[in-house]
Every structure is written in C-alpha cells, then in structure tokens.
Amino acid sequence: MYQYIDTVSVSVQYQIHVSDFGPSLLLYRILAAELWHQDKNNVAKELGQLRKLKMQQVLKEMEEQDEFKAAQEYYGEKAYQEWMQVTMLAVKV
C-alpha cells in the first residue's frame, strides 16, 4: 500500500538518504522545499510558453488587420475609380 523511499534526489549536487534522517521534520522540509522549487520552475516555463503563444497570436492578428486594411483600400479605390468612370459617362451623355 505505501511506498518507502530509500534515497531522495534533492538536486544534482546532493543526495539524501532517508535512513540518515529517519522520519524527521527536517527531511520533510527539504522535500517540500524541493518540490516547491520544481513546481515554481515548471509554472515559470509554462508562463513563458504562454507569453510566446500570446505574442504570436497578437502578431498574427496585426498582420491580418494590415492585410484587411490593404484590401479594403485597394478595393475601395477600385470601386471609386469605377464609380468615377460611370458618373463621367453619365455626365458626358
């Protein structure tokens, strides 16, 4: 039912043997601190990835807006020129 840990790897530099400490409060504090640091680092990595994705999304939206504005200006100018040709023909006739 329970799993017992013989060796706990806290970091690259240290390796703690549970038998050295027994069920002491210090060991639990060390384990809790290490787990907290690992969680903190994982959350920081995830936030960094989310920031990158958000920036990519914002840049993509900006590019789409620029393309839309360019198309709107082009087709607006084209429609204006066609209207001018039609009205000039109507005025000349």
N, C-alpha and C. Protein backbone atom coordinates (compact mmCIF):
# COMPACT_ATOMS: atom_id res chain seq x y z
N MET A 1 0.82 -1.18 0.00
CA MET A 1 0.00 0.00 0.00
C MET A 1 0.87 1.26 0.00
N TYR A 2 1.82 1.37 0.89
CA TYR A 2 2.70 2.54 0.96
C TYR A 2 4.02 2.23 0.28
N GLN A 3 4.58 3.23 -0.34
CA GLN A 3 5.90 3.07 -0.93
C GLN A 3 6.90 3.82 -0.06
N TYR A 4 7.97 3.16 0.24
CA TYR A 4 9.01 3.78 1.05
C TYR A 4 10.14 4.23 0.14
N ILE A 5 10.64 5.39 0.43
CA ILE A 5 11.72 5.95 -0.37
C ILE A 5 13.02 5.74 0.39
N ASP A 6 13.97 5.08 -0.26
CA ASP A 6 15.27 4.87 0.37
C ASP A 6 16.19 6.05 0.12
N THR A 7 16.16 6.60 -1.09
CA THR A 7 17.04 7.69 -1.45
C THR A 7 16.22 8.76 -2.13
N VAL A 8 16.45 9.98 -1.75
CA VAL A 8 15.75 11.11 -2.34
C VAL A 8 16.78 11.99 -3.02
N SER A 9 16.58 12.25 -4.31
CA SER A 9 17.50 13.11 -5.04
C SER A 9 16.95 14.54 -4.97
N VAL A 10 17.57 15.37 -4.16
CA VAL A 10 17.09 16.73 -3.97
C VAL A 10 17.57 17.63 -5.09
N SER A 11 18.78 17.51 -5.47
CA SER A 11 19.30 18.29 -6.59
C SER A 11 20.46 17.50 -7.19
N VAL A 12 21.10 18.10 -8.14
CA VAL A 12 22.21 17.42 -8.79
C VAL A 12 23.38 17.23 -7.83
N GLN A 13 23.55 18.16 -6.92
CA GLN A 13 24.73 18.14 -6.05
C GLN A 13 24.55 17.23 -4.83
N TYR A 14 23.34 17.08 -4.34
CA TYR A 14 23.13 16.37 -3.08
C TYR A 14 22.24 15.16 -3.28
N GLN A 15 22.48 14.16 -2.51
CA GLN A 15 21.60 13.01 -2.48
C GLN A 15 21.41 12.65 -1.00
N ILE A 16 20.18 12.64 -0.57
CA ILE A 16 19.89 12.45 0.84
C ILE A 16 19.39 11.02 1.04
N HIS A 17 19.93 10.35 2.01
CA HIS A 17 19.46 9.01 2.36
C HIS A 17 18.48 9.16 3.51
N VAL A 18 17.32 8.60 3.32
CA VAL A 18 16.27 8.71 4.32
C VAL A 18 16.71 8.07 5.63
N SER A 19 17.48 7.02 5.54
CA SER A 19 17.93 6.34 6.76
C SER A 19 18.81 7.24 7.61
N ASP A 20 19.48 8.24 7.00
CA ASP A 20 20.32 9.16 7.76
C ASP A 20 19.48 10.05 8.68
N PHE A 21 18.29 10.39 8.24
CA PHE A 21 17.46 11.32 9.00
C PHE A 21 16.36 10.63 9.79
N GLY A 22 15.89 9.53 9.27
CA GLY A 22 14.71 8.93 9.88
C GLY A 22 13.51 9.79 9.52
N PRO A 23 12.41 9.58 10.17
CA PRO A 23 11.22 10.40 9.86
C PRO A 23 11.30 11.75 10.57
N SER A 24 12.22 12.59 10.14
CA SER A 24 12.41 13.86 10.83
C SER A 24 11.70 14.99 10.08
N LEU A 25 11.46 16.03 10.80
CA LEU A 25 10.82 17.21 10.24
C LEU A 25 11.73 17.89 9.23
N LEU A 26 13.03 17.84 9.45
CA LEU A 26 13.99 18.46 8.54
C LEU A 26 13.91 17.83 7.16
N LEU A 27 13.83 16.52 7.10
CA LEU A 27 13.73 15.84 5.82
C LEU A 27 12.47 16.27 5.08
N TYR A 28 11.36 16.33 5.79
CA TYR A 28 10.12 16.74 5.15
C TYR A 28 10.18 18.18 4.67
N ARG A 29 10.84 19.02 5.41
CA ARG A 29 11.01 20.42 4.97
C ARG A 29 11.86 20.50 3.71
N ILE A 30 12.93 19.71 3.68
CA ILE A 30 13.80 19.69 2.49
C ILE A 30 13.01 19.20 1.29
N LEU A 31 12.27 18.11 1.46
CA LEU A 31 11.47 17.59 0.35
C LEU A 31 10.41 18.59 -0.10
N ALA A 32 9.75 19.23 0.84
CA ALA A 32 8.73 20.22 0.49
C ALA A 32 9.34 21.41 -0.25
N ALA A 33 10.51 21.85 0.20
CA ALA A 33 11.17 22.98 -0.47
C ALA A 33 11.57 22.60 -1.89
N GLU A 34 12.09 21.40 -2.07
CA GLU A 34 12.50 20.96 -3.41
C GLU A 34 11.30 20.82 -4.33
N LEU A 35 10.23 20.26 -3.83
CA LEU A 35 9.02 20.14 -4.65
C LEU A 35 8.47 21.51 -5.00
N TRP A 36 8.52 22.45 -4.06
CA TRP A 36 8.04 23.79 -4.34
C TRP A 36 8.88 24.45 -5.42
N HIS A 37 10.20 24.28 -5.36
CA HIS A 37 11.08 24.86 -6.39
C HIS A 37 10.82 24.23 -7.75
N GLN A 38 10.61 22.93 -7.78
CA GLN A 38 10.32 22.28 -9.05
C GLN A 38 9.00 22.79 -9.63
N ASP A 39 7.98 22.90 -8.78
CA ASP A 39 6.69 23.42 -9.25
C ASP A 39 6.83 24.86 -9.74
N LYS A 40 7.60 25.66 -9.00
CA LYS A 40 7.80 27.05 -9.38
C LYS A 40 8.47 27.15 -10.75
N ASN A 41 9.48 26.32 -10.97
CA ASN A 41 10.18 26.33 -12.25
C ASN A 41 9.26 25.86 -13.38
N ASN A 42 8.45 24.85 -13.12
CA ASN A 42 7.52 24.37 -14.14
C ASN A 42 6.49 25.43 -14.49
N VAL A 43 5.98 26.11 -13.49
CA VAL A 43 5.00 27.18 -13.74
C VAL A 43 5.65 28.31 -14.53
N ALA A 44 6.88 28.64 -14.21
CA ALA A 44 7.58 29.71 -14.93
C ALA A 44 7.76 29.33 -16.40
N LYS A 45 8.11 28.08 -16.66
CA LYS A 45 8.27 27.62 -18.05
C LYS A 45 6.95 27.69 -18.80
N GLU A 46 5.87 27.25 -18.15
CA GLU A 46 4.56 27.29 -18.79
C GLU A 46 4.14 28.72 -19.08
N LEU A 47 4.39 29.63 -18.15
CA LEU A 47 4.05 31.04 -18.38
C LEU A 47 4.85 31.62 -19.54
N GLY A 48 6.11 31.24 -19.63
CA GLY A 48 6.93 31.69 -20.75
C GLY A 48 6.38 31.20 -22.08
N GLN A 49 5.96 29.95 -22.12
CA GLN A 49 5.38 29.40 -23.34
C GLN A 49 4.07 30.09 -23.68
N LEU A 50 3.26 30.38 -22.66
CA LEU A 50 2.01 31.09 -22.91
C LEU A 50 2.25 32.50 -23.42
N ARG A 51 3.27 33.16 -22.88
CA ARG A 51 3.61 34.51 -23.38
C ARG A 51 4.01 34.46 -24.85
N LYS A 52 4.81 33.46 -25.21
CA LYS A 52 5.22 33.32 -26.62
C LYS A 52 4.01 33.09 -27.52
N LEU A 53 3.10 32.20 -27.08
CA LEU A 53 1.91 31.93 -27.88
C LEU A 53 1.04 33.17 -28.02
N LYS A 54 0.90 33.91 -26.93
CA LYS A 54 0.10 35.13 -26.96
C LYS A 54 0.72 36.15 -27.91
N MET A 55 2.03 36.29 -27.86
CA MET A 55 2.71 37.23 -28.75
C MET A 55 2.54 36.81 -30.21
N GLN A 56 2.65 35.52 -30.49
CA GLN A 56 2.44 35.04 -31.86
C GLN A 56 1.02 35.32 -32.32
N GLN A 57 0.06 35.12 -31.41
CA GLN A 57 -1.34 35.38 -31.75
C GLN A 57 -1.56 36.86 -32.03
N VAL A 58 -0.97 37.72 -31.22
CA VAL A 58 -1.12 39.16 -31.41
C VAL A 58 -0.50 39.59 -32.74
N LEU A 59 0.69 39.07 -33.04
CA LEU A 59 1.34 39.41 -34.31
C LEU A 59 0.52 38.93 -35.50
N LYS A 60 -0.06 37.74 -35.39
CA LYS A 60 -0.88 37.21 -36.47
C LYS A 60 -2.11 38.09 -36.67
N GLU A 61 -2.74 38.51 -35.57
CA GLU A 61 -3.91 39.39 -35.68
C GLU A 61 -3.54 40.72 -36.31
N MET A 62 -2.36 41.25 -35.96
CA MET A 62 -1.93 42.52 -36.55
C MET A 62 -1.70 42.37 -38.05
N GLU A 63 -1.09 41.26 -38.45
CA GLU A 63 -0.88 41.02 -39.88
C GLU A 63 -2.20 40.89 -40.62
N GLU A 64 -3.17 40.19 -40.01
CA GLU A 64 -4.48 40.06 -40.64
C GLU A 64 -5.16 41.40 -40.77
N GLN A 65 -5.04 42.26 -39.76
CA GLN A 65 -5.64 43.60 -39.84
C GLN A 65 -4.99 44.41 -40.94
N ASP A 66 -3.66 44.31 -41.05
CA ASP A 66 -2.96 45.05 -42.11
C ASP A 66 -3.40 44.57 -43.49
N GLU A 67 -3.53 43.25 -43.66
CA GLU A 67 -3.99 42.72 -44.94
C GLU A 67 -5.41 43.17 -45.24
N PHE A 68 -6.26 43.18 -44.23
CA PHE A 68 -7.64 43.62 -44.42
C PHE A 68 -7.70 45.09 -44.81
N LYS A 69 -6.90 45.92 -44.14
CA LYS A 69 -6.89 47.35 -44.47
C LYS A 69 -6.37 47.58 -45.88
N ALA A 70 -5.32 46.84 -46.25
CA ALA A 70 -4.77 46.99 -47.60
C ALA A 70 -5.80 46.56 -48.64
N ALA A 71 -6.48 45.46 -48.41
CA ALA A 71 -7.52 45.01 -49.36
C ALA A 71 -8.66 46.00 -49.40
N GLN A 72 -9.04 46.53 -48.25
CA GLN A 72 -10.14 47.50 -48.19
C GLN A 72 -9.77 48.76 -48.96
N GLU A 73 -8.55 49.24 -48.79
CA GLU A 73 -8.11 50.44 -49.51
C GLU A 73 -8.05 50.17 -51.01
N TYR A 74 -7.51 49.00 -51.38
CA TYR A 74 -7.39 48.67 -52.81
C TYR A 74 -8.76 48.58 -53.45
N TYR A 75 -9.64 47.80 -52.85
CA TYR A 75 -10.96 47.63 -53.45
C TYR A 75 -11.81 48.89 -53.31
N GLY A 76 -11.59 49.66 -52.28
CA GLY A 76 -12.29 50.94 -52.15
C GLY A 76 -11.86 51.91 -53.25
N GLU A 77 -10.58 51.96 -53.52
CA GLU A 77 -10.07 52.81 -54.59
C GLU A 77 -10.56 52.32 -55.95
N LYS A 78 -10.58 51.02 -56.13
CA LYS A 78 -11.04 50.44 -57.39
C LYS A 78 -12.52 50.77 -57.60
N ALA A 79 -13.32 50.64 -56.55
CA ALA A 79 -14.75 50.95 -56.66
C ALA A 79 -14.94 52.45 -56.94
N TYR A 80 -14.12 53.29 -56.34
CA TYR A 80 -14.21 54.73 -56.59
C TYR A 80 -13.89 55.05 -58.05
N GLN A 81 -12.84 54.43 -58.56
CA GLN A 81 -12.48 54.66 -59.97
C GLN A 81 -13.60 54.20 -60.91
N GLU A 82 -14.20 53.05 -60.61
CA GLU A 82 -15.31 52.58 -61.44
C GLU A 82 -16.49 53.54 -61.35
N TRP A 83 -16.76 54.03 -60.16
CA TRP A 83 -17.86 54.97 -59.98
C TRP A 83 -17.60 56.25 -60.76
N MET A 84 -16.34 56.71 -60.71
CA MET A 84 -15.98 57.92 -61.45
C MET A 84 -16.18 57.71 -62.95
N GLN A 85 -15.82 56.55 -63.45
CA GLN A 85 -15.99 56.29 -64.88
C GLN A 85 -17.47 56.27 -65.25
N VAL A 86 -18.28 55.67 -64.42
CA VAL A 86 -19.72 55.59 -64.69
C VAL A 86 -20.33 56.99 -64.63
N THR A 87 -19.98 57.78 -63.63
CA THR A 87 -20.57 59.12 -63.50
C THR A 87 -20.07 60.04 -64.60
N MET A 88 -18.82 59.89 -65.01
CA MET A 88 -18.31 60.72 -66.10
C MET A 88 -19.01 60.38 -67.39
N LEU A 89 -19.29 59.10 -67.60
CA LEU A 89 -20.03 58.71 -68.80
C LEU A 89 -21.45 59.25 -68.74
N ALA A 90 -22.03 59.23 -67.56
CA ALA A 90 -23.41 59.73 -67.42
C ALA A 90 -23.45 61.25 -67.62
N VAL A 91 -22.42 61.96 -67.14
CA VAL A 91 -22.39 63.41 -67.30
C VAL A 91 -22.14 63.78 -68.76
N LYS A 92 -21.28 63.04 -69.45
CA LYS A 92 -20.96 63.35 -70.84
C LYS A 92 -22.15 63.09 -71.75
N VAL A 93 -22.98 62.16 -71.41
CA VAL A 93 -24.08 61.80 -72.28
C VAL A 93 -25.21 62.75 -72.14
